[in-house]
Amino acid sequence: MFVSIIMPVLNEAPALTSFLQHHVIPESCELIIVDGGSSDGGLGDLPGRVRVIQSARGRARQMNAGAEAACGEVLFFLHVDSVLPHNWLEFLRQFWHSDKAWGRFDVQLTGSHTWFRVIEFMMNQRSRFSGIATGDQGIFVLRSEFARLSGYADIPLMEDIEISRRLKRVSSPFCISEQLTTSSRRWETYGILRTILLMWRLRLYYFLGVPPEHLARFYK
């Protein structure tokens, strides 16, 4: 099994530096950083098994470009502000030997506020119940199935939910209870309650059929 970690970035040099300080890319993996036109001074010197490609801006477009350039049988889409558990690759090997086509990790938020424990618990339980994953959870998928489904839809928001819906028709997700840590910076910047209400509102409107292009205006 060879794993391609695909990471879309845009002006995230400090977060990328932090990620590379916390992680060593194993020999059975590659990290593809997909830059959507950063203007924050470049990405600097990168270690082996890490390469940078350029793409049109947009998370879905960047992840599709990364998948096209990838060599792995497993595609692992990851946010730059995530921290992987130390045994993450062993879990992906278990996935590789399963009958599932895709999966995700449980998520843990970095913030210390009690509300973050509630938020992450609800995110993980909702994902188990619904079979829907978000990008914060580190979505991984067999390359063959990703190609067969033509990758992420070219939409500015909800691309993770949209592809989860299509992947559910192939198999239920391989749910890993080990937690992937992701930044709570958005909640901390815009306010916990305000961000929760915004996320609920966006998901409700999306499920009611509001185009993602319209929803993206509220998210920025």
Protein backbone atom coordinates (compact mmCIF):
# COMPACT_ATOMS: atom_id res chain seq x y z
CA MET A 1 0.00 0.00 0.00
CA PHE A 2 1.32 3.43 -0.96
CA VAL A 3 -0.44 6.49 0.51
CA SER A 4 -0.60 9.92 -1.07
CA ILE A 5 -1.37 12.66 1.45
CA ILE A 6 -2.93 15.56 -0.41
CA MET A 7 -2.93 18.93 1.32
CA PRO A 8 -4.46 22.07 -0.25
CA VAL A 9 -2.89 25.29 1.00
CA LEU A 10 -3.32 29.01 0.50
CA ASN A 11 -1.10 31.41 2.47
CA GLU A 12 -0.48 28.78 5.16
CA ALA A 13 3.33 28.84 5.43
CA PRO A 14 3.43 28.91 9.29
CA ALA A 15 0.88 26.08 9.58
CA LEU A 16 2.75 24.02 6.98
CA THR A 17 6.04 24.55 8.80
CA SER A 18 4.37 23.34 12.00
CA PHE A 19 2.94 20.28 10.24
CA LEU A 20 6.33 19.29 8.84
CA GLN A 21 7.94 19.73 12.27
CA HIS A 22 5.39 17.37 13.83
CA HIS A 23 5.37 14.69 11.13
CA VAL A 24 7.87 12.51 9.33
CA ILE A 25 6.57 11.25 5.99
CA PRO A 26 7.14 7.45 5.90
CA GLU A 27 8.78 5.73 2.95
CA SER A 28 5.45 4.21 1.95
CA CYS A 29 3.90 7.67 1.62
CA GLU A 30 4.21 10.96 -0.21
CA LEU A 31 2.94 14.40 0.73
CA ILE A 32 1.61 16.51 -2.12
CA ILE A 33 1.11 20.15 -1.19
CA VAL A 34 -1.26 21.81 -3.61
CA ASP A 35 -0.74 25.57 -3.60
CA GLY A 36 -3.64 27.67 -4.79
CA GLY A 37 -1.56 30.81 -5.39
CA SER A 38 -0.04 31.72 -2.02
CA SER A 39 1.49 35.15 -1.52
CA ASP A 40 2.97 34.71 1.96
CA GLY A 41 6.59 34.26 1.00
CA GLY A 42 6.75 30.73 -0.34
CA LEU A 43 6.98 27.32 1.26
CA GLY A 44 10.73 27.16 1.84
CA ASP A 45 12.91 24.05 1.79
CA LEU A 46 10.91 20.84 1.97
CA PRO A 47 12.05 17.38 3.10
CA GLY A 48 12.11 14.28 0.93
CA ARG A 49 8.85 12.65 -0.18
CA VAL A 50 7.25 16.10 -0.12
CA ARG A 51 6.47 17.95 -3.32
CA VAL A 52 4.57 21.08 -4.24
CA ILE A 53 2.31 21.53 -7.23
CA GLN A 54 0.34 24.57 -8.34
CA SER A 55 -3.37 24.63 -8.98
CA ALA A 56 -6.26 26.96 -9.57
CA ARG A 57 -7.58 28.27 -6.27
CA GLY A 58 -10.39 26.41 -4.54
CA ARG A 59 -10.21 23.50 -2.11
CA ALA A 60 -12.01 21.03 -4.41
CA ARG A 61 -9.91 22.04 -7.44
CA GLN A 62 -6.69 21.81 -5.44
CA MET A 63 -7.52 18.38 -4.04
CA ASN A 64 -8.46 17.08 -7.49
CA ALA A 65 -5.17 18.40 -8.87
CA GLY A 66 -3.31 16.65 -6.07
CA ALA A 67 -5.13 13.39 -6.75
CA GLU A 68 -4.24 13.62 -10.42
CA ALA A 69 -0.55 14.00 -9.55
CA ALA A 70 -0.59 11.33 -6.84
CA CYS A 71 1.07 7.92 -7.05
CA GLY A 72 -0.71 6.22 -4.14
CA GLU A 73 -3.38 3.54 -4.10
CA VAL A 74 -4.89 5.39 -1.12
CA LEU A 75 -5.57 9.13 -1.30
CA PHE A 76 -5.59 10.87 2.08
CA PHE A 77 -6.98 14.42 2.02
CA LEU A 78 -5.72 16.42 4.97
CA HIS A 79 -5.94 19.98 6.25
CA VAL A 80 -2.67 21.78 6.87
CA ASP A 81 -3.62 22.57 10.50
CA SER A 82 -4.19 18.90 11.37
CA VAL A 83 -1.98 16.74 13.59
CA LEU A 84 -2.08 13.00 12.93
CA PRO A 85 -2.05 10.37 15.68
CA HIS A 86 1.29 8.56 15.85
CA ASN A 87 -0.20 5.27 14.58
CA TRP A 88 -2.20 6.77 11.71
CA LEU A 89 -0.52 4.67 9.03
CA GLU A 90 -1.39 1.41 10.80
CA PHE A 91 -5.05 2.40 10.73
CA LEU A 92 -4.83 3.10 7.00
CA ARG A 93 -3.31 -0.36 6.53
CA GLN A 94 -6.34 -1.80 8.34
CA PHE A 95 -8.55 0.17 5.97
CA TRP A 96 -6.57 -1.12 2.99
CA HIS A 97 -7.30 -4.72 4.02
CA SER A 98 -10.99 -4.03 4.69
CA ASP A 99 -13.91 -4.13 2.28
CA LYS A 100 -14.48 -0.37 2.57
CA ALA A 101 -13.88 2.18 -0.18
CA TRP A 102 -13.29 5.20 2.03
CA GLY A 103 -13.16 6.44 5.60
CA ARG A 104 -12.22 9.09 8.10
CA PHE A 105 -10.78 9.66 11.59
CA ASP A 106 -12.53 10.95 14.66
CA VAL A 107 -11.58 14.56 15.30
CA GLN A 108 -10.27 16.42 18.33
CA LEU A 109 -10.16 20.22 18.45
CA THR A 110 -7.15 22.06 19.85
CA GLY A 111 -9.06 24.50 22.05
CA SER A 112 -9.27 23.92 25.81
CA HIS A 113 -12.79 25.29 26.33
CA THR A 114 -15.36 22.71 27.49
CA TRP A 115 -17.52 23.57 24.50
CA PHE A 116 -14.86 22.14 22.17
CA ARG A 117 -15.22 18.73 23.83
CA VAL A 118 -18.96 18.91 23.17
CA ILE A 119 -18.44 20.03 19.57
CA GLU A 120 -15.97 17.27 18.72
CA PHE A 121 -18.16 14.62 20.39
CA MET A 122 -21.17 15.75 18.36
CA MET A 123 -19.13 15.89 15.14
CA ASN A 124 -17.88 12.34 15.60
CA GLN A 125 -21.24 10.88 16.60
CA ARG A 126 -23.07 12.67 13.80
CA SER A 127 -20.54 11.31 11.31
CA ARG A 128 -21.03 7.74 12.57
CA PHE A 129 -24.81 8.06 12.41
CA SER A 130 -25.01 9.81 9.03
CA GLY A 131 -22.05 8.28 7.21
CA ILE A 132 -21.00 11.81 6.23
CA ALA A 133 -17.47 13.08 6.86
CA THR A 134 -15.93 16.55 6.83
CA GLY A 135 -12.47 17.60 5.73
CA ASP A 136 -11.47 18.17 9.38
CA GLN A 137 -11.69 14.40 9.88
CA GLY A 138 -9.11 13.54 7.23
CA ILE A 139 -11.02 11.79 4.45
CA PHE A 140 -9.19 8.87 2.81
CA VAL A 141 -10.37 6.92 -0.22
CA LEU A 142 -9.20 4.24 -2.60
CA ARG A 143 -7.71 5.90 -5.65
CA SER A 144 -9.71 3.63 -7.98
CA GLU A 145 -13.04 4.69 -6.45
CA PHE A 146 -12.06 8.36 -6.36
CA ALA A 147 -11.26 8.22 -10.07
CA ARG A 148 -14.44 6.31 -10.87
CA LEU A 149 -16.49 9.03 -9.15
CA SER A 150 -14.52 11.78 -10.97
CA GLY A 151 -13.24 13.22 -7.71
CA TYR A 152 -14.57 16.19 -5.81
CA ALA A 153 -17.33 18.27 -7.33
CA ASP A 154 -16.08 21.67 -8.46
CA ILE A 155 -18.01 23.65 -5.86
CA PRO A 156 -16.72 26.35 -3.47
CA LEU A 157 -18.16 24.82 -0.29
CA MET A 158 -19.57 21.50 1.00
CA GLU A 159 -17.31 19.48 -1.32
CA ASP A 160 -16.59 17.05 1.53
CA ILE A 161 -20.28 16.45 2.26
CA GLU A 162 -21.08 16.11 -1.43
CA ILE A 163 -18.44 13.44 -2.06
CA SER A 164 -19.40 11.63 1.17
CA ARG A 165 -22.92 11.25 -0.18
CA ARG A 166 -21.60 9.63 -3.36
CA LEU A 167 -19.08 7.45 -1.54
CA LYS A 168 -21.82 6.17 0.78
CA ARG A 169 -23.40 4.49 -2.24
CA VAL A 170 -20.18 2.50 -2.69
CA SER A 171 -19.65 1.56 0.96
CA SER A 172 -20.17 2.81 4.48
CA PRO A 173 -17.12 4.70 5.78
CA PHE A 174 -14.24 3.03 7.61
CA CYS A 175 -14.53 4.99 10.88
CA ILE A 176 -11.34 5.30 12.94
CA SER A 177 -11.99 6.18 16.58
CA GLU A 178 -8.41 7.37 17.06
CA GLN A 179 -8.52 11.16 17.03
CA LEU A 180 -6.94 13.43 14.47
CA THR A 181 -6.29 16.83 16.01
CA THR A 182 -7.41 19.87 14.07
CA SER A 183 -7.26 23.56 14.84
CA SER A 184 -10.14 25.32 16.56
CA ARG A 185 -8.89 28.69 15.29
CA ARG A 186 -12.09 29.47 13.34
CA TRP A 187 -14.25 29.00 16.44
CA GLU A 188 -11.82 31.02 18.54
CA THR A 189 -11.61 33.84 15.98
CA TYR A 190 -15.32 34.23 15.22
CA GLY A 191 -16.81 32.97 18.47
CA ILE A 192 -17.89 29.45 19.43
CA LEU A 193 -21.66 29.93 19.41
CA ARG A 194 -21.62 32.12 16.32
CA THR A 195 -19.57 29.54 14.39
CA ILE A 196 -21.78 26.63 15.52
CA LEU A 197 -24.90 28.45 14.37
CA LEU A 198 -23.26 29.35 11.06
CA MET A 199 -22.27 25.72 10.40
CA TRP A 200 -25.77 24.45 11.22
CA ARG A 201 -27.30 27.11 9.02
CA LEU A 202 -25.03 26.31 6.08
CA ARG A 203 -25.67 22.55 6.32
CA LEU A 204 -29.42 23.07 6.62
CA TYR A 205 -29.51 25.32 3.56
CA TYR A 206 -27.32 22.89 1.63
CA PHE A 207 -29.59 19.94 2.38
CA LEU A 208 -32.56 22.11 1.38
CA GLY A 209 -30.93 22.61 -2.01
CA VAL A 210 -29.33 26.06 -1.76
CA PRO A 211 -26.40 26.12 -4.24
CA PRO A 212 -22.94 26.03 -2.60
CA GLU A 213 -21.98 29.13 -4.61
CA HIS A 214 -24.55 31.09 -2.58
CA LEU A 215 -23.55 29.52 0.73
CA ALA A 216 -19.88 30.39 0.19
CA ARG A 217 -20.72 34.06 0.62
CA PHE A 218 -21.83 33.42 4.21
CA TYR A 219 -18.78 31.31 5.06
CA LYS A 220 -16.09 33.84 4.21
